[in-house]
Amino acid sequence: MPKPIKTIFCGTPEFSVPYLEGLLVDPDFLVMGVLTQPDKPSGRKQELSPSPVKILAQKNNLHIWQPEKLKDNSKIIDELKKAEADILIVVAYGQIIPQEILELFPSGAINVHPSLLPKYRGASPIQSAILKGEHETGVTIMLMDDKMDHGPILAQEKMRLTGEETNESLHNQLAEIGVGLLITTVRKYLAGEITPQEQDHEAAIFCAAITKADAKIDWQEPAQKIKQKIYAFYPWPATWTMLGGQRLKIFPPVAVKETRKQENKKTIGQINISNNELIVICGEDELELKKVQLEGKKEMPIADFIRGYNNLDGKILE
């Protein structure tokens, strides 16, 4: 029986967890330890919280490294050398991994990226596919170099998009595709059955990290574009607008309603209540909201919000 592939896993957020779980239960892989980001302050009290990958690693008694930086970090390099792993597998780690670390692994460093590279290199590929109204996306397995999402492709798997995916649901769907694709691809690559394919670098599209400020709704935009933002930013950071000086979060689902020509002169951002429905006038067409959360209140269906907030009809969202 061949020896298992000695593996270092490198990842941080919830997206990385199914991949580590898949490697842990597969007898062809022996996970020697994980690299993950340092604990971060979270919540109202800003208490330090471990990453989802660290939590899983602790449950499985894995060695854990959490360096603030990887570049010029001789301590981490020495410790990774001592581990004598065959391969590095990276899934949404959150830092560029320097060449001096990539070169430590005789079988290479393999990255999982939730887009069809070279499209949507960077920190927000899932959100970007939804924001841009893409009709398809997928998962790419690639060899790593010292540039972001730049290395040659080993495998890709596509999936069709319906336009109703949220960041959360698409995240889960891509993980279902990606875990099996990763394990199959690593086996085939190490067996010499895959020839890496250089990316078309001129076709590369980059996407930046998402911030809370990005999630503010501009009602001047078309309703369809606003819908895409609401779905792309659910559950975090959650899109928001202002109502009477209070922040109002808006959650999926929402529905785009075509505006009849005679209604085009209505005020942008205006709320119209009809038959227990809440419709907002957008730069193009209208948006029906179905679930919201007013600052200081719980998330609620729109019927409850209409009953609990006086004189909503005609108010302006800003």
C-alpha atoms as a PDB file:
ATOM      1  CA  MET A   1       0.000   0.000   0.000  1.00  0.00           C
ATOM      2  CA  PRO A   2       1.464   3.429  -0.956  1.00  0.00           C
ATOM      3  CA  LYS A   3       2.305   5.860   1.820  1.00  0.00           C
ATOM      4  CA  PRO A   4      -0.231   8.663   2.446  1.00  0.00           C
ATOM      5  CA  ILE A   5       0.573  12.107   1.058  1.00  0.00           C
ATOM      6  CA  LYS A   6       2.063  14.142   3.907  1.00  0.00           C
ATOM      7  CA  THR A   7       0.145  17.432   3.721  1.00  0.00           C
ATOM      8  CA  ILE A   8       0.222  20.879   5.295  1.00  0.00           C
ATOM      9  CA  PHE A   9      -3.157  22.594   5.017  1.00  0.00           C
ATOM     10  CA  CYS A  10      -3.337  26.353   4.782  1.00  0.00           C
ATOM     11  CA  GLY A  11      -6.693  28.130   5.233  1.00  0.00           C
ATOM     12  CA  THR A  12      -8.712  30.395   7.481  1.00  0.00           C
ATOM     13  CA  PRO A  13     -12.468  31.010   6.920  1.00  0.00           C
ATOM     14  CA  GLU A  14     -15.513  28.766   6.922  1.00  0.00           C
ATOM     15  CA  PHE A  15     -15.045  28.168   3.181  1.00  0.00           C
ATOM     16  CA  SER A  16     -11.813  26.283   3.940  1.00  0.00           C
ATOM     17  CA  VAL A  17     -13.345  23.914   6.498  1.00  0.00           C
ATOM     18  CA  PRO A  18     -14.968  21.305   4.168  1.00  0.00           C
ATOM     19  CA  TYR A  19     -11.661  20.921   2.331  1.00  0.00           C
ATOM     20  CA  LEU A  20      -9.748  20.207   5.521  1.00  0.00           C
ATOM     21  CA  GLU A  21     -12.508  17.809   6.601  1.00  0.00           C
ATOM     22  CA  GLY A  22     -12.248  16.000   3.262  1.00  0.00           C
ATOM     23  CA  LEU A  23      -8.479  15.594   3.581  1.00  0.00           C
ATOM     24  CA  LEU A  24      -8.750  14.368   7.175  1.00  0.00           C
ATOM     25  CA  VAL A  25     -11.062  11.482   6.292  1.00  0.00           C
ATOM     26  CA  ASP A  26      -9.256  10.441   3.104  1.00  0.00           C
ATOM     27  CA  PRO A  27      -6.700   7.657   3.737  1.00  0.00           C
ATOM     28  CA  ASP A  28      -4.493   8.907   0.891  1.00  0.00           C
ATOM     29  CA  PHE A  29      -3.658  12.067   2.877  1.00  0.00           C
ATOM     30  CA  LEU A  30      -1.913  12.610   6.201  1.00  0.00           C
ATOM     31  CA  VAL A  31      -2.447  16.169   7.438  1.00  0.00           C
ATOM     32  CA  MET A  32       0.681  17.134   9.411  1.00  0.00           C
ATOM     33  CA  GLY A  33      -0.625  20.511  10.558  1.00  0.00           C
ATOM     34  CA  VAL A  34      -2.377  23.714   9.512  1.00  0.00           C
ATOM     35  CA  LEU A  35      -1.369  27.279   8.789  1.00  0.00           C
ATOM     36  CA  THR A  36      -4.141  29.731   9.601  1.00  0.00           C
ATOM     37  CA  GLN A  37      -4.513  33.424  10.368  1.00  0.00           C
ATOM     38  CA  PRO A  38      -4.013  34.690  13.950  1.00  0.00           C
ATOM     39  CA  ASP A  39      -7.055  34.931  16.207  1.00  0.00           C
ATOM     40  CA  LYS A  40      -9.044  38.096  15.436  1.00  0.00           C
ATOM     41  CA  PRO A  41     -11.221  40.324  17.653  1.00  0.00           C
ATOM     42  CA  SER A  42     -14.912  39.844  16.966  1.00  0.00           C
ATOM     43  CA  GLY A  43     -18.319  40.677  18.399  1.00  0.00           C
ATOM     44  CA  ARG A  44     -19.329  43.680  20.480  1.00  0.00           C
ATOM     45  CA  LYS A  45     -16.723  42.917  23.129  1.00  0.00           C
ATOM     46  CA  GLN A  46     -14.003  42.458  20.477  1.00  0.00           C
ATOM     47  CA  GLU A  47     -12.794  39.268  22.114  1.00  0.00           C
ATOM     48  CA  LEU A  48     -10.173  37.243  20.256  1.00  0.00           C
ATOM     49  CA  SER A  49     -11.765  34.421  18.268  1.00  0.00           C
ATOM     50  CA  PRO A  50     -10.052  31.524  16.476  1.00  0.00           C
ATOM     51  CA  SER A  51     -10.579  30.952  12.778  1.00  0.00           C
ATOM     52  CA  PRO A  52     -12.953  28.161  11.701  1.00  0.00           C
ATOM     53  CA  VAL A  53      -9.928  26.206  10.426  1.00  0.00           C
ATOM     54  CA  LYS A  54      -8.186  26.510  13.790  1.00  0.00           C
ATOM     55  CA  ILE A  55     -11.286  25.228  15.576  1.00  0.00           C
ATOM     56  CA  LEU A  56     -11.392  22.138  13.346  1.00  0.00           C
ATOM     57  CA  ALA A  57      -7.633  21.619  13.698  1.00  0.00           C
ATOM     58  CA  GLN A  58      -7.910  21.731  17.499  1.00  0.00           C
ATOM     59  CA  LYS A  59     -10.695  19.131  17.438  1.00  0.00           C
ATOM     60  CA  ASN A  60      -8.406  16.837  15.464  1.00  0.00           C
ATOM     61  CA  ASN A  61      -5.279  17.512  17.556  1.00  0.00           C
ATOM     62  CA  LEU A  62      -3.364  18.954  14.621  1.00  0.00           C
ATOM     63  CA  HIS A  63      -0.306  21.150  14.942  1.00  0.00           C
ATOM     64  CA  ILE A  64      -1.286  24.802  14.318  1.00  0.00           C
ATOM     65  CA  TRP A  65       0.810  27.703  13.060  1.00  0.00           C
ATOM     66  CA  GLN A  66      -0.618  31.246  13.224  1.00  0.00           C
ATOM     67  CA  PRO A  67       2.100  33.669  12.095  1.00  0.00           C
ATOM     68  CA  GLU A  68       1.320  37.353  11.721  1.00  0.00           C
ATOM     69  CA  LYS A  69       3.321  37.256   8.498  1.00  0.00           C
ATOM     70  CA  LEU A  70       4.996  34.621   6.360  1.00  0.00           C
ATOM     71  CA  LYS A  71       7.538  36.696   4.475  1.00  0.00           C
ATOM     72  CA  ASP A  72      11.043  36.640   5.987  1.00  0.00           C
ATOM     73  CA  ASN A  73       9.773  34.454   8.827  1.00  0.00           C
ATOM     74  CA  SER A  74      12.706  32.113   9.472  1.00  0.00           C
ATOM     75  CA  LYS A  75      10.986  30.436  12.431  1.00  0.00           C
ATOM     76  CA  ILE A  76       8.019  29.261  10.322  1.00  0.00           C
ATOM     77  CA  ILE A  77      10.316  28.180   7.501  1.00  0.00           C
ATOM     78  CA  ASP A  78      12.391  26.067   9.890  1.00  0.00           C
ATOM     79  CA  GLU A  79       9.311  24.460  11.440  1.00  0.00           C
ATOM     80  CA  LEU A  80       7.770  23.661   8.060  1.00  0.00           C
ATOM     81  CA  LYS A  81      11.066  22.107   6.946  1.00  0.00           C
ATOM     82  CA  LYS A  82      11.044  19.860  10.016  1.00  0.00           C
ATOM     83  CA  ALA A  83       7.518  18.681   9.181  1.00  0.00           C
ATOM     84  CA  GLU A  84       8.895  17.186   5.929  1.00  0.00           C
ATOM     85  CA  ALA A  85       5.502  17.379   4.215  1.00  0.00           C
ATOM     86  CA  ASP A  86       5.116  16.403   0.566  1.00  0.00           C
ATOM     87  CA  ILE A  87       2.578  19.017  -0.434  1.00  0.00           C
ATOM     88  CA  LEU A  88       0.966  22.301   0.631  1.00  0.00           C
ATOM     89  CA  ILE A  89      -2.771  22.711   0.017  1.00  0.00           C
ATOM     90  CA  VAL A  90      -4.120  26.254   0.278  1.00  0.00           C
ATOM     91  CA  VAL A  91      -7.790  27.214   0.499  1.00  0.00           C
ATOM     92  CA  ALA A  92      -8.586  30.882   1.283  1.00  0.00           C
ATOM     93  CA  TYR A  93      -5.679  31.497   3.628  1.00  0.00           C
ATOM     94  CA  GLY A  94      -5.712  35.288   3.367  1.00  0.00           C
ATOM     95  CA  GLN A  95      -2.028  36.080   2.770  1.00  0.00           C
ATOM     96  CA  ILE A  96       0.302  35.824  -0.191  1.00  0.00           C
ATOM     97  CA  ILE A  97       2.594  32.844   0.432  1.00  0.00           C
ATOM     98  CA  PRO A  98       6.200  33.705  -0.436  1.00  0.00           C
ATOM     99  CA  GLN A  99       8.241  31.631  -2.848  1.00  0.00           C
ATOM    100  CA  GLU A 100      10.643  30.542  -0.099  1.00  0.00           C
ATOM    101  CA  ILE A 101       7.771  28.656   1.553  1.00  0.00           C
ATOM    102  CA  LEU A 102       6.287  27.293  -1.670  1.00  0.00           C
ATOM    103  CA  GLU A 103       9.665  25.745  -2.476  1.00  0.00           C
ATOM    104  CA  LEU A 104       9.681  23.693   0.733  1.00  0.00           C
ATOM    105  CA  PHE A 105       7.223  21.143  -0.678  1.00  0.00           C
ATOM    106  CA  PRO A 106       8.712  18.619  -3.132  1.00  0.00           C
ATOM    107  CA  SER A 107       5.311  17.827  -4.687  1.00  0.00           C
ATOM    108  CA  GLY A 108       4.351  21.486  -4.950  1.00  0.00           C
ATOM    109  CA  ALA A 109       1.762  23.859  -3.519  1.00  0.00           C
ATOM    110  CA  ILE A 110      -1.819  23.574  -4.724  1.00  0.00           C
ATOM    111  CA  ASN A 111      -4.492  26.234  -4.354  1.00  0.00           C
ATOM    112  CA  VAL A 112      -8.292  25.999  -4.535  1.00  0.00           C
ATOM    113  CA  HIS A 113      -9.987  29.139  -5.864  1.00  0.00           C
ATOM    114  CA  PRO A 114     -13.791  29.559  -6.125  1.00  0.00           C
ATOM    115  CA  SER A 115     -13.946  31.071  -9.600  1.00  0.00           C
ATOM    116  CA  LEU A 116     -13.079  30.153 -13.169  1.00  0.00           C
ATOM    117  CA  LEU A 117      -9.608  31.649 -13.302  1.00  0.00           C
ATOM    118  CA  PRO A 118      -8.289  33.925 -14.674  1.00  0.00           C
ATOM    119  CA  LYS A 119     -11.639  35.556 -13.875  1.00  0.00           C
ATOM    120  CA  TYR A 120     -11.989  36.996 -10.369  1.00  0.00           C
ATOM    121  CA  ARG A 121      -8.529  36.627  -8.940  1.00  0.00           C
ATOM    122  CA  GLY A 122      -8.448  38.014  -5.434  1.00  0.00           C
ATOM    123  CA  ALA A 123     -10.391  38.141  -2.186  1.00  0.00           C
ATOM    124  CA  SER A 124     -14.073  38.168  -3.222  1.00  0.00           C
ATOM    125  CA  PRO A 125     -14.628  35.799  -6.175  1.00  0.00           C
ATOM    126  CA  ILE A 126     -17.957  34.401  -4.953  1.00  0.00           C
ATOM    127  CA  GLN A 127     -19.453  37.817  -4.238  1.00  0.00           C
ATOM    128  CA  SER A 128     -18.098  39.177  -7.536  1.00  0.00           C
ATOM    129  CA  ALA A 129     -19.775  36.477  -9.628  1.00  0.00           C
ATOM    130  CA  ILE A 130     -23.127  37.390  -8.043  1.00  0.00           C
ATOM    131  CA  LEU A 131     -22.539  41.156  -8.238  1.00  0.00           C
ATOM    132  CA  LYS A 132     -21.752  40.939 -11.949  1.00  0.00           C
ATOM    133  CA  GLY A 133     -24.776  38.754 -12.727  1.00  0.00           C
ATOM    134  CA  GLU A 134     -22.651  35.920 -14.106  1.00  0.00           C
ATOM    135  CA  HIS A 135     -24.463  32.946 -15.635  1.00  0.00           C
ATOM    136  CA  GLU A 136     -21.773  30.509 -14.539  1.00  0.00           C
ATOM    137  CA  THR A 137     -18.910  30.181 -12.101  1.00  0.00           C
ATOM    138  CA  GLY A 138     -16.930  27.272 -10.715  1.00  0.00           C
ATOM    139  CA  VAL A 139     -13.844  26.028  -8.895  1.00  0.00           C
ATOM    140  CA  THR A 140     -10.242  26.115 -10.087  1.00  0.00           C
ATOM    141  CA  ILE A 141      -7.436  23.876  -8.779  1.00  0.00           C
ATOM    142  CA  MET A 142      -4.067  25.395  -9.585  1.00  0.00           C
ATOM    143  CA  LEU A 143      -0.360  25.217  -8.847  1.00  0.00           C
ATOM    144  CA  MET A 144       0.819  28.195  -6.850  1.00  0.00           C
ATOM    145  CA  ASP A 145       3.501  30.717  -7.634  1.00  0.00           C
ATOM    146  CA  ASP A 146       4.401  33.869  -5.719  1.00  0.00           C
ATOM    147  CA  LYS A 147       1.660  35.960  -7.375  1.00  0.00           C
ATOM    148  CA  MET A 148      -2.007  36.046  -6.406  1.00  0.00           C
ATOM    149  CA  ASP A 149      -4.081  33.337  -8.148  1.00  0.00           C
ATOM    150  CA  HIS A 150      -1.584  33.402 -10.998  1.00  0.00           C
ATOM    151  CA  GLY A 151      -0.234  29.864 -11.314  1.00  0.00           C
ATOM    152  CA  PRO A 152      -0.991  27.207 -13.941  1.00  0.00           C
ATOM    153  CA  ILE A 153      -4.352  25.443 -13.837  1.00  0.00           C
ATOM    154  CA  LEU A 154      -4.659  21.741 -13.015  1.00  0.00           C
ATOM    155  CA  ALA A 155      -8.448  21.400 -13.183  1.00  0.00           C
ATOM    156  CA  GLN A 156     -11.683  23.378 -13.329  1.00  0.00           C
ATOM    157  CA  GLU A 157     -15.309  22.483 -12.796  1.00  0.00           C
ATOM    158  CA  LYS A 158     -18.147  24.784 -13.866  1.00  0.00           C
ATOM    159  CA  MET A 159     -21.624  25.317 -12.433  1.00  0.00           C
ATOM    160  CA  ARG A 160     -24.586  27.239 -13.809  1.00  0.00           C
ATOM    161  CA  LEU A 161     -26.030  30.131 -11.820  1.00  0.00           C
ATOM    162  CA  THR A 162     -29.761  30.829 -11.540  1.00  0.00           C
ATOM    163  CA  GLY A 163     -29.501  34.423 -10.309  1.00  0.00           C
ATOM    164  CA  GLU A 164     -31.004  33.459  -6.954  1.00  0.00           C
ATOM    165  CA  GLU A 165     -27.770  32.410  -5.245  1.00  0.00           C
ATOM    166  CA  THR A 166     -26.546  34.274  -2.172  1.00  0.00           C
ATOM    167  CA  ASN A 167     -22.941  34.431  -1.052  1.00  0.00           C
ATOM    168  CA  GLU A 168     -23.846  31.843   1.587  1.00  0.00           C
ATOM    169  CA  SER A 169     -25.611  29.379  -0.712  1.00  0.00           C
ATOM    170  CA  LEU A 170     -23.041  29.669  -3.511  1.00  0.00           C
ATOM    171  CA  HIS A 171     -20.228  29.246  -0.987  1.00  0.00           C
ATOM    172  CA  ASN A 172     -21.790  25.928   0.059  1.00  0.00           C
ATOM    173  CA  GLN A 173     -22.426  24.754  -3.510  1.00  0.00           C
ATOM    174  CA  LEU A 174     -18.864  25.496  -4.593  1.00  0.00           C
ATOM    175  CA  ALA A 175     -17.482  23.675  -1.551  1.00  0.00           C
ATOM    176  CA  GLU A 176     -19.501  20.588  -2.513  1.00  0.00           C
ATOM    177  CA  ILE A 177     -17.942  20.692  -5.962  1.00  0.00           C
ATOM    178  CA  GLY A 178     -14.477  21.664  -4.821  1.00  0.00           C
ATOM    179  CA  VAL A 179     -13.659  19.095  -2.149  1.00  0.00           C
ATOM    180  CA  GLY A 180     -13.982  16.102  -4.485  1.00  0.00           C
ATOM    181  CA  LEU A 181     -12.307  17.997  -7.318  1.00  0.00           C
ATOM    182  CA  LEU A 182      -9.321  18.857  -5.109  1.00  0.00           C
ATOM    183  CA  ILE A 183      -8.724  15.306  -3.901  1.00  0.00           C
ATOM    184  CA  THR A 184      -9.143  13.769  -7.360  1.00  0.00           C
ATOM    185  CA  THR A 185      -6.906  16.403  -8.946  1.00  0.00           C
ATOM    186  CA  VAL A 186      -4.093  16.018  -6.400  1.00  0.00           C
ATOM    187  CA  ARG A 187      -4.066  12.238  -6.910  1.00  0.00           C
ATOM    188  CA  LYS A 188      -3.953  12.595 -10.711  1.00  0.00           C
ATOM    189  CA  TYR A 189      -1.319  15.340 -10.639  1.00  0.00           C
ATOM    190  CA  LEU A 190       1.017  13.374  -8.368  1.00  0.00           C
ATOM    191  CA  ALA A 191       0.527  10.337 -10.612  1.00  0.00           C
ATOM    192  CA  GLY A 192       1.673  12.395 -13.610  1.00  0.00           C
ATOM    193  CA  GLU A 193      -1.744  12.295 -15.282  1.00  0.00           C
ATOM    194  CA  ILE A 194      -2.266  16.087 -15.482  1.00  0.00           C
ATOM    195  CA  THR A 195      -0.264  18.662 -17.449  1.00  0.00           C
ATOM    196  CA  PRO A 196      -0.581  22.146 -15.861  1.00  0.00           C
ATOM    197  CA  GLN A 197      -2.055  24.764 -18.221  1.00  0.00           C
ATOM    198  CA  GLU A 198      -0.815  28.357 -18.138  1.00  0.00           C
ATOM    199  CA  GLN A 199      -3.522  30.935 -17.479  1.00  0.00           C
ATOM    200  CA  ASP A 200      -4.389  33.631 -20.005  1.00  0.00           C
ATOM    201  CA  HIS A 201      -2.986  36.451 -17.890  1.00  0.00           C
ATOM    202  CA  GLU A 202      -4.236  39.163 -20.256  1.00  0.00           C
ATOM    203  CA  ALA A 203      -7.798  38.043 -19.494  1.00  0.00           C
ATOM    204  CA  ALA A 204      -7.343  38.287 -15.724  1.00  0.00           C
ATOM    205  CA  ILE A 205     -10.008  40.133 -13.704  1.00  0.00           C
ATOM    206  CA  PHE A 206      -9.233  41.114 -10.107  1.00  0.00           C
ATOM    207  CA  CYS A 207     -11.635  41.567  -7.192  1.00  0.00           C
ATOM    208  CA  ALA A 208     -10.944  43.354  -3.926  1.00  0.00           C
ATOM    209  CA  ALA A 209     -11.933  42.454  -0.387  1.00  0.00           C
ATOM    210  CA  ILE A 210     -15.479  43.461   0.620  1.00  0.00           C
ATOM    211  CA  THR A 211     -16.011  46.095   3.323  1.00  0.00           C
ATOM    212  CA  LYS A 212     -19.082  47.153   5.298  1.00  0.00           C
ATOM    213  CA  ALA A 213     -19.063  50.460   3.421  1.00  0.00           C
ATOM    214  CA  ASP A 214     -19.481  48.563   0.119  1.00  0.00           C
ATOM    215  CA  ALA A 215     -22.815  47.225   1.362  1.00  0.00           C
ATOM    216  CA  LYS A 216     -24.645  50.581   1.425  1.00  0.00           C
ATOM    217  CA  ILE A 217     -27.421  50.640  -1.172  1.00  0.00           C
ATOM    218  CA  ASP A 218     -27.562  53.390  -3.784  1.00  0.00           C
ATOM    219  CA  TRP A 219     -31.214  53.525  -4.859  1.00  0.00           C
ATOM    220  CA  GLN A 220     -30.185  55.412  -8.026  1.00  0.00           C
ATOM    221  CA  GLU A 221     -28.932  52.088  -9.374  1.00  0.00           C
ATOM    222  CA  PRO A 222     -31.214  49.692 -11.286  1.00  0.00           C
ATOM    223  CA  ALA A 223     -33.292  47.330  -9.158  1.00  0.00           C
ATOM    224  CA  GLN A 224     -31.566  44.292 -10.677  1.00  0.00           C
ATOM    225  CA  LYS A 225     -28.131  45.579  -9.696  1.00  0.00           C
ATOM    226  CA  ILE A 226     -29.335  46.316  -6.165  1.00  0.00           C
ATOM    227  CA  LYS A 227     -30.772  42.808  -5.933  1.00  0.00           C
ATOM    228  CA  GLN A 228     -27.394  41.351  -6.944  1.00  0.00           C
ATOM    229  CA  LYS A 229     -25.712  43.360  -4.193  1.00  0.00           C
ATOM    230  CA  ILE A 230     -28.228  42.171  -1.573  1.00  0.00           C
ATOM    231  CA  TYR A 231     -27.607  38.543  -2.553  1.00  0.00           C
ATOM    232  CA  ALA A 232     -23.819  38.920  -2.882  1.00  0.00           C
ATOM    233  CA  PHE A 233     -23.464  40.468   0.577  1.00  0.00           C
ATOM    234  CA  TYR A 234     -25.644  37.985   2.460  1.00  0.00           C
ATOM    235  CA  PRO A 235     -25.048  37.096   5.246  1.00  0.00           C
ATOM    236  CA  TRP A 236     -22.017  39.432   5.574  1.00  0.00           C
ATOM    237  CA  PRO A 237     -21.694  42.364   5.573  1.00  0.00           C
ATOM    238  CA  ALA A 238     -25.457  42.607   4.764  1.00  0.00           C
ATOM    239  CA  THR A 239     -26.719  45.465   2.605  1.00  0.00           C
ATOM    240  CA  TRP A 240     -28.171  48.495   4.339  1.00  0.00           C
ATOM    241  CA  THR A 241     -29.877  51.817   3.823  1.00  0.00           C
ATOM    242  CA  MET A 242     -31.087  54.632   6.083  1.00  0.00           C
ATOM    243  CA  LEU A 243     -34.700  55.107   7.155  1.00  0.00           C
ATOM    244  CA  GLY A 244     -35.517  58.085   9.341  1.00  0.00           C
ATOM    245  CA  GLY A 245     -31.975  58.291  10.696  1.00  0.00           C
ATOM    246  CA  GLN A 246     -31.798  54.565  11.491  1.00  0.00           C
ATOM    247  CA  ARG A 247     -29.898  51.877   9.640  1.00  0.00           C
ATOM    248  CA  LEU A 248     -32.127  49.338   7.914  1.00  0.00           C
ATOM    249  CA  LYS A 249     -30.572  46.055   6.788  1.00  0.00           C
ATOM    250  CA  ILE A 250     -32.151  44.322   3.798  1.00  0.00           C
ATOM    251  CA  PHE A 251     -31.932  40.566   3.306  1.00  0.00           C
ATOM    252  CA  PRO A 252     -32.819  38.126   0.526  1.00  0.00           C
ATOM    253  CA  PRO A 253     -35.150  37.312  -1.007  1.00  0.00           C
ATOM    254  CA  VAL A 254     -36.145  40.425  -2.939  1.00  0.00           C
ATOM    255  CA  ALA A 255     -38.049  40.709  -6.217  1.00  0.00           C
ATOM    256  CA  VAL A 256     -37.505  43.072  -9.147  1.00  0.00           C
ATOM    257  CA  LYS A 257     -40.703  44.709 -10.422  1.00  0.00           C
ATOM    258  CA  GLU A 258     -40.766  46.401 -13.816  1.00  0.00           C
ATOM    259  CA  THR A 259     -41.811  50.055 -13.684  1.00  0.00           C
ATOM    260  CA  ARG A 260     -44.610  51.106 -16.015  1.00  0.00           C
ATOM    261  CA  LYS A 261     -43.740  54.157 -18.131  1.00  0.00           C
ATOM    262  CA  GLN A 262     -46.270  56.440 -16.416  1.00  0.00           C
ATOM    263  CA  GLU A 263     -44.602  55.727 -13.055  1.00  0.00           C
ATOM    264  CA  ASN A 264     -41.096  56.733 -14.061  1.00  0.00           C
ATOM    265  CA  LYS A 265     -41.227  60.131 -12.315  1.00  0.00           C
ATOM    266  CA  LYS A 266     -41.598  58.734  -8.789  1.00  0.00           C
ATOM    267  CA  THR A 267     -38.992  59.742  -6.205  1.00  0.00           C
ATOM    268  CA  ILE A 268     -35.914  57.497  -6.065  1.00  0.00           C
ATOM    269  CA  GLY A 269     -35.823  55.553  -2.790  1.00  0.00           C
ATOM    270  CA  GLN A 270     -39.500  56.133  -2.055  1.00  0.00           C
ATOM    271  CA  ILE A 271     -41.413  53.397  -0.234  1.00  0.00           C
ATOM    272  CA  ASN A 272     -44.823  52.386  -1.544  1.00  0.00           C
ATOM    273  CA  ILE A 273     -47.035  50.109   0.565  1.00  0.00           C
ATOM    274  CA  SER A 274     -49.726  48.118  -1.225  1.00  0.00           C
ATOM    275  CA  ASN A 275     -51.517  44.895  -0.217  1.00  0.00           C
ATOM    276  CA  ASN A 276     -49.042  44.359   2.637  1.00  0.00           C
ATOM    277  CA  GLU A 277     -46.112  44.599   0.195  1.00  0.00           C
ATOM    278  CA  LEU A 278     -43.236  47.079   0.467  1.00  0.00           C
ATOM    279  CA  ILE A 279     -41.938  48.366  -2.875  1.00  0.00           C
ATOM    280  CA  VAL A 280     -38.963  50.744  -3.265  1.00  0.00           C
ATOM    281  CA  ILE A 281     -38.472  52.983  -6.320  1.00  0.00           C
ATOM    282  CA  CYS A 282     -35.023  52.475  -7.880  1.00  0.00           C
ATOM    283  CA  GLY A 283     -33.110  54.238 -10.639  1.00  0.00           C
ATOM    284  CA  GLU A 284     -34.616  51.670 -12.977  1.00  0.00           C
ATOM    285  CA  ASP A 285     -37.625  49.505 -12.036  1.00  0.00           C
ATOM    286  CA  GLU A 286     -38.655  48.772  -8.449  1.00  0.00           C
ATOM    287  CA  LEU A 287     -37.631  46.360  -5.726  1.00  0.00           C
ATOM    288  CA  GLU A 288     -39.981  44.439  -3.460  1.00  0.00           C
ATOM    289  CA  LEU A 289     -38.446  43.849  -0.021  1.00  0.00           C
ATOM    290  CA  LYS A 290     -39.431  40.772   1.970  1.00  0.00           C
ATOM    291  CA  LYS A 291     -37.139  40.625   4.998  1.00  0.00           C
ATOM    292  CA  VAL A 292     -35.478  43.495   6.910  1.00  0.00           C
ATOM    293  CA  GLN A 293     -33.874  44.416  10.216  1.00  0.00           C
ATOM    294  CA  LEU A 294     -34.156  47.893  11.700  1.00  0.00           C
ATOM    295  CA  GLU A 295     -31.316  49.093  13.895  1.00  0.00           C
ATOM    296  CA  GLY A 296     -31.773  47.733  17.418  1.00  0.00           C
ATOM    297  CA  LYS A 297     -34.489  45.289  16.338  1.00  0.00           C
ATOM    298  CA  LYS A 298     -34.612  41.645  15.259  1.00  0.00           C
ATOM    299  CA  GLU A 299     -34.757  40.445  11.667  1.00  0.00           C
ATOM    300  CA  MET A 300     -38.397  40.249  10.571  1.00  0.00           C
ATOM    301  CA  PRO A 301     -40.623  39.477   7.582  1.00  0.00           C
ATOM    302  CA  ILE A 302     -41.894  42.549   5.770  1.00  0.00           C
ATOM    303  CA  ALA A 303     -45.519  42.131   6.950  1.00  0.00           C
ATOM    304  CA  ASP A 304     -44.384  42.444  10.585  1.00  0.00           C
ATOM    305  CA  PHE A 305     -42.218  45.448   9.716  1.00  0.00           C
ATOM    306  CA  ILE A 306     -45.140  47.226   8.025  1.00  0.00           C
ATOM    307  CA  ARG A 307     -47.376  46.620  11.046  1.00  0.00           C
ATOM    308  CA  GLY A 308     -44.758  47.786  13.528  1.00  0.00           C
ATOM    309  CA  TYR A 309     -43.539  50.960  11.794  1.00  0.00           C
ATOM    310  CA  ASN A 310     -46.052  53.781  11.494  1.00  0.00           C
ATOM    311  CA  ASN A 311     -46.625  55.732   8.258  1.00  0.00           C
ATOM    312  CA  LEU A 312     -44.083  53.889   6.096  1.00  0.00           C
ATOM    313  CA  ASP A 313     -45.903  54.678   2.863  1.00  0.00           C
ATOM    314  CA  GLY A 314     -44.138  57.538   1.041  1.00  0.00           C
ATOM    315  CA  LYS A 315     -41.034  57.602   3.244  1.00  0.00           C
ATOM    316  CA  ILE A 316     -37.633  57.827   1.506  1.00  0.00           C
ATOM    317  CA  LEU A 317     -34.782  55.391   1.939  1.00  0.00           C
ATOM    318  CA  GLU A 318     -31.384  57.060   1.729  1.00  0.00           C
END
